[in-house]
Amino acid sequence: MTTNLKTLATAQYVRIDDSLAGTRRSGRPPRLTDAELLTLAVMQAVLGFASETRWLRFARTHLRAEFPYLPGQSGYNKRLRNANTLISRFIRTLARDTDLWHDDVWIVDSTPVECARSRPTVKRSALAGWAGYGYCPSHSRFFWGLRLHLLCTPGGLPIAWALASPKADEREVLADTLTGDQDLLTTHPGQTIVGDKGYVSKLLDTFMTDHGLTLLRPSYRNLKPRPGEHLLKPIRQLTESVNDTLKGQLDLQRHGARTPAGVLARIGQRILALTAAIWHNRANATPLTRSLIAYDH
């Protein structure tokens, strides 16, 4: 394990522990603190351990000095599933600590999150009713699962995210994501959001205008190009790059979750890992803001 990863883990642990100082918990304090849990979760995602059993076996061998107590697989899984609110909270906390949080441009896009392949698995999955069949144009195939809708800065910093059925309208999901977090709109008035053709809608344009936002997206081929439309393609490619980091380096598609709480936790775990890496890179003036190479081995 690299010294850089240990430095990231230590810095993240201290930041989360300081933020939780004075927070009261009901009942007996857990042997593994919340700060330790989130630090373990980030290290697992960065090192590419999709299996929690293998990860805990690795941690007991190599991280015993840093984590004197490690729960069993079922205990770790239960704590992680119950930490969804905590994970979302510290994605926002670390994001706010970076200068990228104040960027006046956001990029929005969605990407498939496959949850099953065989028909028997689909039939007995606890995700039925939320997950569904969708089509992935980039791979020219259908999939069964969810779509991750991600709002981020051009530097790749996650601002907000949502998991929705593949059949859900991207425009409605974006509007719900923005209105579901009033603090986000209050602290970022006049924000510019860049999307693709999936966000073409007069209703969405009206929504954006009513909330003081500007939506930049390309027009359909049979319509007159919008001003500055030729400049959008390089910007939107940044979102594809962020999705590639989540899938290629943080194993987004290998989340292995089978329940709604599990999917939220595993996806949140990976977004937290990406946010923590960007937070640490910016604090240390690392040239490549979204690079995980220094931490993933």
C-alpha atoms as a PDB file:
ATOM      1  CA  MET A   1       0.000   0.000   0.000  1.00  0.00           C
ATOM      2  CA  THR A   2       1.383   3.409  -0.954  1.00  0.00           C
ATOM      3  CA  THR A   3       2.324   6.134   1.492  1.00  0.00           C
ATOM      4  CA  ASN A   4       0.010   8.442  -0.487  1.00  0.00           C
ATOM      5  CA  LEU A   5      -3.006   6.272   0.308  1.00  0.00           C
ATOM      6  CA  LYS A   6      -2.137   6.207   3.995  1.00  0.00           C
ATOM      7  CA  THR A   7      -1.765   9.986   3.924  1.00  0.00           C
ATOM      8  CA  LEU A   8      -5.167  10.348   2.228  1.00  0.00           C
ATOM      9  CA  ALA A   9      -6.787   7.958   4.717  1.00  0.00           C
ATOM     10  CA  THR A  10      -5.274   9.791   7.694  1.00  0.00           C
ATOM     11  CA  ALA A  11      -6.321  13.218   6.393  1.00  0.00           C
ATOM     12  CA  GLN A  12      -9.848  12.002   5.664  1.00  0.00           C
ATOM     13  CA  TYR A  13     -10.157  10.315   9.052  1.00  0.00           C
ATOM     14  CA  VAL A  14      -9.067  13.474  10.895  1.00  0.00           C
ATOM     15  CA  ARG A  15     -11.467  15.663   8.863  1.00  0.00           C
ATOM     16  CA  ILE A  16     -14.455  13.388   9.479  1.00  0.00           C
ATOM     17  CA  ASP A  17     -13.588  12.769  13.129  1.00  0.00           C
ATOM     18  CA  ASP A  18     -13.307  16.522  13.769  1.00  0.00           C
ATOM     19  CA  SER A  19     -16.666  17.096  12.066  1.00  0.00           C
ATOM     20  CA  LEU A  20     -18.321  14.417  14.205  1.00  0.00           C
ATOM     21  CA  ALA A  21     -16.772  15.632  17.468  1.00  0.00           C
ATOM     22  CA  GLY A  22     -19.500  16.281  20.003  1.00  0.00           C
ATOM     23  CA  THR A  23     -22.110  14.306  18.081  1.00  0.00           C
ATOM     24  CA  ARG A  24     -24.150  12.176  20.442  1.00  0.00           C
ATOM     25  CA  ARG A  25     -25.089   8.593  19.669  1.00  0.00           C
ATOM     26  CA  SER A  26     -27.780   6.615  21.442  1.00  0.00           C
ATOM     27  CA  GLY A  27     -26.729   3.372  23.065  1.00  0.00           C
ATOM     28  CA  ARG A  28     -23.266   1.939  23.453  1.00  0.00           C
ATOM     29  CA  PRO A  29     -20.549   3.491  21.245  1.00  0.00           C
ATOM     30  CA  PRO A  30     -19.522   1.151  18.399  1.00  0.00           C
ATOM     31  CA  ARG A  31     -16.053  -0.388  18.523  1.00  0.00           C
ATOM     32  CA  LEU A  32     -15.502   0.813  14.952  1.00  0.00           C
ATOM     33  CA  THR A  33     -16.200   4.556  14.859  1.00  0.00           C
ATOM     34  CA  ASP A  34     -18.048   6.280  12.018  1.00  0.00           C
ATOM     35  CA  ALA A  35     -14.838   8.029  10.942  1.00  0.00           C
ATOM     36  CA  GLU A  36     -13.032   4.662  10.800  1.00  0.00           C
ATOM     37  CA  LEU A  37     -15.929   3.106   8.871  1.00  0.00           C
ATOM     38  CA  LEU A  38     -15.894   5.782   6.152  1.00  0.00           C
ATOM     39  CA  THR A  39     -12.104   5.668   5.954  1.00  0.00           C
ATOM     40  CA  LEU A  40     -12.219   1.900   5.463  1.00  0.00           C
ATOM     41  CA  ALA A  41     -14.943   2.307   2.827  1.00  0.00           C
ATOM     42  CA  VAL A  42     -12.868   4.801   0.828  1.00  0.00           C
ATOM     43  CA  MET A  43      -9.738   2.650   1.020  1.00  0.00           C
ATOM     44  CA  GLN A  44     -11.709  -0.386  -0.147  1.00  0.00           C
ATOM     45  CA  ALA A  45     -13.062   1.482  -3.177  1.00  0.00           C
ATOM     46  CA  VAL A  46      -9.707   3.018  -4.117  1.00  0.00           C
ATOM     47  CA  LEU A  47      -7.869  -0.316  -3.864  1.00  0.00           C
ATOM     48  CA  GLY A  48     -10.511  -2.046  -5.972  1.00  0.00           C
ATOM     49  CA  PHE A  49     -11.832  -4.654  -3.541  1.00  0.00           C
ATOM     50  CA  ALA A  50     -15.339  -5.450  -4.796  1.00  0.00           C
ATOM     51  CA  SER A  51     -15.630  -8.312  -2.284  1.00  0.00           C
ATOM     52  CA  GLU A  52     -16.052  -7.191   1.325  1.00  0.00           C
ATOM     53  CA  THR A  53     -14.778 -10.549   2.581  1.00  0.00           C
ATOM     54  CA  ARG A  54     -11.514 -10.194   0.644  1.00  0.00           C
ATOM     55  CA  TRP A  55     -11.209  -6.578   1.726  1.00  0.00           C
ATOM     56  CA  LEU A  56     -11.551  -7.364   5.427  1.00  0.00           C
ATOM     57  CA  ARG A  57      -9.084 -10.230   5.087  1.00  0.00           C
ATOM     58  CA  PHE A  58      -6.616  -7.805   3.479  1.00  0.00           C
ATOM     59  CA  ALA A  59      -7.276  -5.167   6.149  1.00  0.00           C
ATOM     60  CA  ARG A  60      -6.654  -7.628   8.989  1.00  0.00           C
ATOM     61  CA  THR A  61      -3.289  -8.485   7.467  1.00  0.00           C
ATOM     62  CA  HIS A  62      -2.087  -5.026   6.450  1.00  0.00           C
ATOM     63  CA  LEU A  63      -4.083  -2.466   8.453  1.00  0.00           C
ATOM     64  CA  ARG A  64      -4.217  -3.917  11.957  1.00  0.00           C
ATOM     65  CA  ALA A  65      -2.084  -1.041  13.337  1.00  0.00           C
ATOM     66  CA  GLU A  66      -4.435   1.595  11.872  1.00  0.00           C
ATOM     67  CA  PHE A  67      -7.673  -0.251  12.731  1.00  0.00           C
ATOM     68  CA  PRO A  68      -7.309  -2.262  15.973  1.00  0.00           C
ATOM     69  CA  TYR A  69     -10.878  -3.558  15.627  1.00  0.00           C
ATOM     70  CA  LEU A  70     -12.396  -4.802  12.385  1.00  0.00           C
ATOM     71  CA  PRO A  71     -15.909  -6.298  12.273  1.00  0.00           C
ATOM     72  CA  GLY A  72     -16.899  -9.426  10.389  1.00  0.00           C
ATOM     73  CA  GLN A  73     -18.246  -9.230   6.865  1.00  0.00           C
ATOM     74  CA  SER A  74     -21.905  -9.124   7.923  1.00  0.00           C
ATOM     75  CA  GLY A  75     -21.243  -6.471  10.566  1.00  0.00           C
ATOM     76  CA  TYR A  76     -19.254  -4.316   8.149  1.00  0.00           C
ATOM     77  CA  ASN A  77     -21.956  -4.675   5.484  1.00  0.00           C
ATOM     78  CA  LYS A  78     -24.702  -3.733   7.950  1.00  0.00           C
ATOM     79  CA  ARG A  79     -22.805  -0.657   9.179  1.00  0.00           C
ATOM     80  CA  LEU A  80     -22.149   0.449   5.611  1.00  0.00           C
ATOM     81  CA  ARG A  81     -25.803   0.037   4.571  1.00  0.00           C
ATOM     82  CA  ASN A  82     -26.909   2.063   7.581  1.00  0.00           C
ATOM     83  CA  ALA A  83     -24.406   4.830   6.798  1.00  0.00           C
ATOM     84  CA  ASN A  84     -26.072   6.183   3.643  1.00  0.00           C
ATOM     85  CA  THR A  85     -26.943   9.517   5.253  1.00  0.00           C
ATOM     86  CA  LEU A  86     -23.441   9.776   6.686  1.00  0.00           C
ATOM     87  CA  ILE A  87     -21.837   9.018   3.328  1.00  0.00           C
ATOM     88  CA  SER A  88     -23.916  11.695   1.569  1.00  0.00           C
ATOM     89  CA  ARG A  89     -23.110  14.173   4.325  1.00  0.00           C
ATOM     90  CA  PHE A  90     -19.352  13.767   3.963  1.00  0.00           C
ATOM     91  CA  ILE A  91     -19.383  13.775   0.187  1.00  0.00           C
ATOM     92  CA  ARG A  92     -20.782  17.282   0.601  1.00  0.00           C
ATOM     93  CA  THR A  93     -18.401  18.165   3.476  1.00  0.00           C
ATOM     94  CA  LEU A  94     -15.267  17.260   1.509  1.00  0.00           C
ATOM     95  CA  ALA A  95     -16.617  18.897  -1.656  1.00  0.00           C
ATOM     96  CA  ARG A  96     -17.230  22.166   0.219  1.00  0.00           C
ATOM     97  CA  ASP A  97     -13.613  22.142   1.411  1.00  0.00           C
ATOM     98  CA  THR A  98     -12.282  22.479  -2.147  1.00  0.00           C
ATOM     99  CA  ASP A  99     -12.065  25.531  -4.355  1.00  0.00           C
ATOM    100  CA  LEU A 100     -13.907  23.573  -7.076  1.00  0.00           C
ATOM    101  CA  TRP A 101     -17.091  23.822  -5.017  1.00  0.00           C
ATOM    102  CA  HIS A 102     -17.356  27.480  -6.094  1.00  0.00           C
ATOM    103  CA  ASP A 103     -17.140  26.739  -9.832  1.00  0.00           C
ATOM    104  CA  ASP A 104     -19.987  28.509 -11.646  1.00  0.00           C
ATOM    105  CA  VAL A 105     -20.410  25.730 -14.235  1.00  0.00           C
ATOM    106  CA  TRP A 106     -21.803  22.237 -13.606  1.00  0.00           C
ATOM    107  CA  ILE A 107     -22.065  19.295 -15.997  1.00  0.00           C
ATOM    108  CA  VAL A 108     -24.898  16.771 -15.829  1.00  0.00           C
ATOM    109  CA  ASP A 109     -25.111  13.310 -17.336  1.00  0.00           C
ATOM    110  CA  SER A 110     -26.304   9.796 -16.525  1.00  0.00           C
ATOM    111  CA  THR A 111     -24.671   6.390 -16.844  1.00  0.00           C
ATOM    112  CA  PRO A 112     -26.013   2.829 -16.476  1.00  0.00           C
ATOM    113  CA  VAL A 113     -25.477   0.922 -13.231  1.00  0.00           C
ATOM    114  CA  GLU A 114     -26.117  -2.727 -14.024  1.00  0.00           C
ATOM    115  CA  CYS A 115     -27.628  -4.764 -11.179  1.00  0.00           C
ATOM    116  CA  ALA A 116     -28.365  -8.171 -12.751  1.00  0.00           C
ATOM    117  CA  ARG A 117     -27.980 -10.092 -16.007  1.00  0.00           C
ATOM    118  CA  SER A 118     -29.876 -13.365 -15.787  1.00  0.00           C
ATOM    119  CA  ARG A 119     -33.660 -13.478 -15.950  1.00  0.00           C
ATOM    120  CA  PRO A 120     -33.970 -15.563 -12.717  1.00  0.00           C
ATOM    121  CA  THR A 121     -31.899 -12.974 -10.835  1.00  0.00           C
ATOM    122  CA  VAL A 122     -34.106 -10.175 -12.139  1.00  0.00           C
ATOM    123  CA  LYS A 123     -37.242 -12.002 -10.999  1.00  0.00           C
ATOM    124  CA  ARG A 124     -36.093 -12.531  -7.414  1.00  0.00           C
ATOM    125  CA  SER A 125     -34.143  -9.285  -6.962  1.00  0.00           C
ATOM    126  CA  ALA A 126     -35.129  -6.992  -4.091  1.00  0.00           C
ATOM    127  CA  LEU A 127     -34.491  -4.111  -6.500  1.00  0.00           C
ATOM    128  CA  ALA A 128     -37.506  -4.998  -8.645  1.00  0.00           C
ATOM    129  CA  GLY A 129     -39.849  -2.053  -8.872  1.00  0.00           C
ATOM    130  CA  TRP A 130     -36.976   0.420  -8.689  1.00  0.00           C
ATOM    131  CA  ALA A 131     -34.503  -1.050 -11.144  1.00  0.00           C
ATOM    132  CA  GLY A 132     -35.653  -1.873 -14.660  1.00  0.00           C
ATOM    133  CA  TYR A 133     -34.584  -2.454 -18.240  1.00  0.00           C
ATOM    134  CA  GLY A 134     -32.838   0.337 -20.075  1.00  0.00           C
ATOM    135  CA  TYR A 135     -30.684   0.884 -23.141  1.00  0.00           C
ATOM    136  CA  CYS A 136     -27.038   1.941 -23.156  1.00  0.00           C
ATOM    137  CA  PRO A 137     -26.213   3.698 -26.478  1.00  0.00           C
ATOM    138  CA  SER A 138     -22.458   3.739 -25.854  1.00  0.00           C
ATOM    139  CA  HIS A 139     -22.396  -0.085 -25.629  1.00  0.00           C
ATOM    140  CA  SER A 140     -25.378  -0.671 -27.968  1.00  0.00           C
ATOM    141  CA  ARG A 141     -27.083  -3.063 -25.559  1.00  0.00           C
ATOM    142  CA  PHE A 142     -29.879  -3.322 -23.045  1.00  0.00           C
ATOM    143  CA  PHE A 143     -29.232  -3.698 -19.321  1.00  0.00           C
ATOM    144  CA  TRP A 144     -31.220  -4.297 -16.130  1.00  0.00           C
ATOM    145  CA  GLY A 145     -30.484  -1.932 -13.284  1.00  0.00           C
ATOM    146  CA  LEU A 146     -30.478   1.774 -12.541  1.00  0.00           C
ATOM    147  CA  ARG A 147     -29.017   4.956 -13.945  1.00  0.00           C
ATOM    148  CA  LEU A 148     -26.645   7.134 -11.967  1.00  0.00           C
ATOM    149  CA  HIS A 149     -27.396  10.818 -12.576  1.00  0.00           C
ATOM    150  CA  LEU A 150     -24.329  12.843 -11.665  1.00  0.00           C
ATOM    151  CA  LEU A 151     -23.950  16.599 -11.368  1.00  0.00           C
ATOM    152  CA  CYS A 152     -20.292  17.610 -11.189  1.00  0.00           C
ATOM    153  CA  THR A 153     -17.885  20.451 -11.927  1.00  0.00           C
ATOM    154  CA  PRO A 154     -15.646  20.467 -15.033  1.00  0.00           C
ATOM    155  CA  GLY A 155     -12.862  19.364 -12.674  1.00  0.00           C
ATOM    156  CA  GLY A 156     -14.830  16.225 -11.846  1.00  0.00           C
ATOM    157  CA  LEU A 157     -15.917  17.133  -8.300  1.00  0.00           C
ATOM    158  CA  PRO A 158     -19.300  15.499  -7.527  1.00  0.00           C
ATOM    159  CA  ILE A 159     -21.885  18.109  -6.539  1.00  0.00           C
ATOM    160  CA  ALA A 160     -25.056  15.999  -6.375  1.00  0.00           C
ATOM    161  CA  TRP A 161     -26.136  12.557  -7.516  1.00  0.00           C
ATOM    162  CA  ALA A 162     -29.215  10.384  -7.764  1.00  0.00           C
ATOM    163  CA  LEU A 163     -30.065   6.789  -8.663  1.00  0.00           C
ATOM    164  CA  ALA A 164     -33.231   6.298 -10.698  1.00  0.00           C
ATOM    165  CA  SER A 165     -34.954   3.770 -12.897  1.00  0.00           C
ATOM    166  CA  PRO A 166     -33.664   3.716 -16.495  1.00  0.00           C
ATOM    167  CA  LYS A 167     -37.211   4.590 -17.562  1.00  0.00           C
ATOM    168  CA  ALA A 168     -37.221   7.801 -15.503  1.00  0.00           C
ATOM    169  CA  ASP A 169     -37.035  11.005 -17.542  1.00  0.00           C
ATOM    170  CA  GLU A 170     -33.563  12.541 -17.222  1.00  0.00           C
ATOM    171  CA  ARG A 171     -35.062  16.032 -17.220  1.00  0.00           C
ATOM    172  CA  GLU A 172     -37.373  15.241 -14.325  1.00  0.00           C
ATOM    173  CA  VAL A 173     -34.544  13.628 -12.358  1.00  0.00           C
ATOM    174  CA  LEU A 174     -32.388  16.737 -12.819  1.00  0.00           C
ATOM    175  CA  ALA A 175     -35.205  19.034 -11.655  1.00  0.00           C
ATOM    176  CA  ASP A 176     -35.904  16.806  -8.631  1.00  0.00           C
ATOM    177  CA  THR A 177     -32.192  16.665  -7.757  1.00  0.00           C
ATOM    178  CA  LEU A 178     -31.924  20.449  -7.783  1.00  0.00           C
ATOM    179  CA  THR A 179     -35.144  21.161  -5.890  1.00  0.00           C
ATOM    180  CA  GLY A 180     -34.517  18.357  -3.411  1.00  0.00           C
ATOM    181  CA  ASP A 181     -31.484  20.216  -2.104  1.00  0.00           C
ATOM    182  CA  GLN A 182     -32.501  23.810  -1.482  1.00  0.00           C
ATOM    183  CA  ASP A 183     -29.131  24.617   0.068  1.00  0.00           C
ATOM    184  CA  LEU A 184     -27.517  23.819  -3.271  1.00  0.00           C
ATOM    185  CA  LEU A 185     -29.514  26.448  -5.162  1.00  0.00           C
ATOM    186  CA  THR A 186     -29.211  28.990  -2.352  1.00  0.00           C
ATOM    187  CA  THR A 187     -25.417  28.802  -2.292  1.00  0.00           C
ATOM    188  CA  HIS A 188     -25.040  28.728  -6.102  1.00  0.00           C
ATOM    189  CA  PRO A 189     -27.291  31.409  -7.611  1.00  0.00           C
ATOM    190  CA  GLY A 190     -27.054  31.934 -11.362  1.00  0.00           C
ATOM    191  CA  GLN A 191     -25.364  28.603 -12.002  1.00  0.00           C
ATOM    192  CA  THR A 192     -24.769  27.362 -15.569  1.00  0.00           C
ATOM    193  CA  ILE A 193     -25.508  23.678 -16.238  1.00  0.00           C
ATOM    194  CA  VAL A 194     -24.242  21.859 -19.337  1.00  0.00           C
ATOM    195  CA  GLY A 195     -26.052  18.746 -20.583  1.00  0.00           C
ATOM    196  CA  ASP A 196     -26.628  16.689 -23.725  1.00  0.00           C
ATOM    197  CA  LYS A 197     -29.651  16.347 -26.025  1.00  0.00           C
ATOM    198  CA  GLY A 198     -31.460  14.272 -23.414  1.00  0.00           C
ATOM    199  CA  TYR A 199     -32.160  17.498 -21.535  1.00  0.00           C
ATOM    200  CA  VAL A 200     -33.980  19.242 -24.395  1.00  0.00           C
ATOM    201  CA  SER A 201     -37.331  20.369 -22.989  1.00  0.00           C
ATOM    202  CA  LYS A 202     -39.319  23.596 -22.882  1.00  0.00           C
ATOM    203  CA  LEU A 203     -40.574  22.672 -19.413  1.00  0.00           C
ATOM    204  CA  LEU A 204     -36.994  22.185 -18.183  1.00  0.00           C
ATOM    205  CA  ASP A 205     -35.944  25.475 -19.772  1.00  0.00           C
ATOM    206  CA  THR A 206     -38.788  27.199 -17.906  1.00  0.00           C
ATOM    207  CA  PHE A 207     -37.802  25.461 -14.662  1.00  0.00           C
ATOM    208  CA  MET A 208     -34.214  26.657 -15.055  1.00  0.00           C
ATOM    209  CA  THR A 209     -35.282  30.234 -15.776  1.00  0.00           C
ATOM    210  CA  ASP A 210     -37.629  30.259 -12.768  1.00  0.00           C
ATOM    211  CA  HIS A 211     -34.773  29.168 -10.491  1.00  0.00           C
ATOM    212  CA  GLY A 212     -32.219  31.582 -11.911  1.00  0.00           C
ATOM    213  CA  LEU A 213     -30.222  28.866 -13.682  1.00  0.00           C
ATOM    214  CA  THR A 214     -28.934  28.605 -17.239  1.00  0.00           C
ATOM    215  CA  LEU A 215     -29.054  25.314 -19.154  1.00  0.00           C
ATOM    216  CA  LEU A 216     -26.679  24.880 -22.082  1.00  0.00           C
ATOM    217  CA  ARG A 217     -27.352  21.862 -24.313  1.00  0.00           C
ATOM    218  CA  PRO A 218     -27.205  21.074 -28.038  1.00  0.00           C
ATOM    219  CA  SER A 219     -30.246  21.239 -30.280  1.00  0.00           C
ATOM    220  CA  TYR A 220     -31.682  18.481 -32.427  1.00  0.00           C
ATOM    221  CA  ARG A 221     -30.325  18.316 -35.957  1.00  0.00           C
ATOM    222  CA  ASN A 222     -33.538  19.641 -37.504  1.00  0.00           C
ATOM    223  CA  LEU A 223     -33.428  22.774 -35.350  1.00  0.00           C
ATOM    224  CA  LYS A 224     -31.319  25.894 -35.615  1.00  0.00           C
ATOM    225  CA  PRO A 225     -28.094  25.552 -33.556  1.00  0.00           C
ATOM    226  CA  ARG A 226     -28.065  27.494 -30.322  1.00  0.00           C
ATOM    227  CA  PRO A 227     -25.378  30.200 -29.752  1.00  0.00           C
ATOM    228  CA  GLY A 228     -22.040  28.688 -28.686  1.00  0.00           C
ATOM    229  CA  GLU A 229     -23.279  25.143 -29.265  1.00  0.00           C
ATOM    230  CA  HIS A 230     -20.024  24.103 -30.960  1.00  0.00           C
ATOM    231  CA  LEU A 231     -18.196  24.721 -27.674  1.00  0.00           C
ATOM    232  CA  LEU A 232     -20.276  22.242 -25.669  1.00  0.00           C
ATOM    233  CA  LYS A 233     -18.860  18.940 -26.920  1.00  0.00           C
ATOM    234  CA  PRO A 234     -15.420  19.223 -25.232  1.00  0.00           C
ATOM    235  CA  ILE A 235     -17.107  20.217 -21.956  1.00  0.00           C
ATOM    236  CA  ARG A 236     -19.543  17.304 -22.020  1.00  0.00           C
ATOM    237  CA  GLN A 237     -16.665  14.909 -22.658  1.00  0.00           C
ATOM    238  CA  LEU A 238     -15.467  15.766 -19.154  1.00  0.00           C
ATOM    239  CA  THR A 239     -18.519  14.020 -17.689  1.00  0.00           C
ATOM    240  CA  GLU A 240     -17.746  10.910 -19.741  1.00  0.00           C
ATOM    241  CA  SER A 241     -14.257  11.055 -18.278  1.00  0.00           C
ATOM    242  CA  VAL A 242     -15.656  11.213 -14.735  1.00  0.00           C
ATOM    243  CA  ASN A 243     -17.936   8.240 -15.460  1.00  0.00           C
ATOM    244  CA  ASP A 244     -14.937   6.369 -16.831  1.00  0.00           C
ATOM    245  CA  THR A 245     -13.069   7.000 -13.564  1.00  0.00           C
ATOM    246  CA  LEU A 246     -16.015   5.652 -11.557  1.00  0.00           C
ATOM    247  CA  LYS A 247     -16.300   2.573 -13.764  1.00  0.00           C
ATOM    248  CA  GLY A 248     -12.682   1.881 -14.689  1.00  0.00           C
ATOM    249  CA  GLN A 249     -10.890   2.735 -11.449  1.00  0.00           C
ATOM    250  CA  LEU A 250     -13.596   2.531  -8.780  1.00  0.00           C
ATOM    251  CA  ASP A 251     -15.503  -0.480 -10.195  1.00  0.00           C
ATOM    252  CA  LEU A 252     -18.912   1.173 -10.310  1.00  0.00           C
ATOM    253  CA  GLN A 253     -20.360  -1.749 -12.273  1.00  0.00           C
ATOM    254  CA  ARG A 254     -19.021  -4.336  -9.812  1.00  0.00           C
ATOM    255  CA  HIS A 255     -20.857  -2.969  -6.786  1.00  0.00           C
ATOM    256  CA  GLY A 256     -22.412  -6.376  -6.031  1.00  0.00           C
ATOM    257  CA  ALA A 257     -25.358  -4.913  -4.093  1.00  0.00           C
ATOM    258  CA  ARG A 258     -28.719  -6.685  -4.048  1.00  0.00           C
ATOM    259  CA  THR A 259     -30.917  -4.348  -1.975  1.00  0.00           C
ATOM    260  CA  PRO A 260     -31.866  -0.653  -2.328  1.00  0.00           C
ATOM    261  CA  ALA A 261     -29.896   0.319   0.802  1.00  0.00           C
ATOM    262  CA  GLY A 262     -26.945  -1.739  -0.413  1.00  0.00           C
ATOM    263  CA  VAL A 263     -26.895  -0.112  -3.857  1.00  0.00           C
ATOM    264  CA  LEU A 264     -27.067   3.377  -2.349  1.00  0.00           C
ATOM    265  CA  ALA A 265     -24.228   2.553   0.037  1.00  0.00           C
ATOM    266  CA  ARG A 266     -21.956   0.959  -2.583  1.00  0.00           C
ATOM    267  CA  ILE A 267     -22.473   3.750  -5.132  1.00  0.00           C
ATOM    268  CA  GLY A 268     -22.123   6.412  -2.429  1.00  0.00           C
ATOM    269  CA  GLN A 269     -18.935   4.706  -1.258  1.00  0.00           C
ATOM    270  CA  ARG A 270     -17.382   5.112  -4.708  1.00  0.00           C
ATOM    271  CA  ILE A 271     -18.496   8.725  -5.094  1.00  0.00           C
ATOM    272  CA  LEU A 272     -17.088   9.463  -1.633  1.00  0.00           C
ATOM    273  CA  ALA A 273     -13.775   7.890  -2.678  1.00  0.00           C
ATOM    274  CA  LEU A 274     -13.637  10.064  -5.811  1.00  0.00           C
ATOM    275  CA  THR A 275     -14.505  13.170  -3.791  1.00  0.00           C
ATOM    276  CA  ALA A 276     -11.881  12.360  -1.137  1.00  0.00           C
ATOM    277  CA  ALA A 277      -9.187  11.891  -3.784  1.00  0.00           C
ATOM    278  CA  ILE A 278     -10.047  15.216  -5.464  1.00  0.00           C
ATOM    279  CA  TRP A 279     -10.194  16.934  -2.043  1.00  0.00           C
ATOM    280  CA  HIS A 280      -6.744  15.612  -1.138  1.00  0.00           C
ATOM    281  CA  ASN A 281      -5.237  16.366  -4.563  1.00  0.00           C
ATOM    282  CA  ARG A 282      -6.452  19.972  -4.467  1.00  0.00           C
ATOM    283  CA  ALA A 283      -5.151  20.454  -0.934  1.00  0.00           C
ATOM    284  CA  ASN A 284      -1.724  19.243  -2.050  1.00  0.00           C
ATOM    285  CA  ALA A 285      -1.709  21.097  -5.389  1.00  0.00           C
ATOM    286  CA  THR A 286      -1.474  17.833  -7.353  1.00  0.00           C
ATOM    287  CA  PRO A 287      -1.439  18.687 -11.095  1.00  0.00           C
ATOM    288  CA  LEU A 288      -4.014  16.018 -12.028  1.00  0.00           C
ATOM    289  CA  THR A 289      -7.049  16.788  -9.886  1.00  0.00           C
ATOM    290  CA  ARG A 290      -8.961  13.549 -10.488  1.00  0.00           C
ATOM    291  CA  SER A 291      -5.992  11.161 -10.578  1.00  0.00           C
ATOM    292  CA  LEU A 292      -6.214   8.053  -8.372  1.00  0.00           C
ATOM    293  CA  ILE A 293      -2.945   6.503  -9.537  1.00  0.00           C
ATOM    294  CA  ALA A 294      -1.069   7.535  -6.407  1.00  0.00           C
ATOM    295  CA  TYR A 295      -3.610   5.761  -4.196  1.00  0.00           C
ATOM    296  CA  ASP A 296      -4.808   2.627  -6.000  1.00  0.00           C
ATOM    297  CA  HIS A 297      -1.951   0.203  -5.269  1.00  0.00           C
END
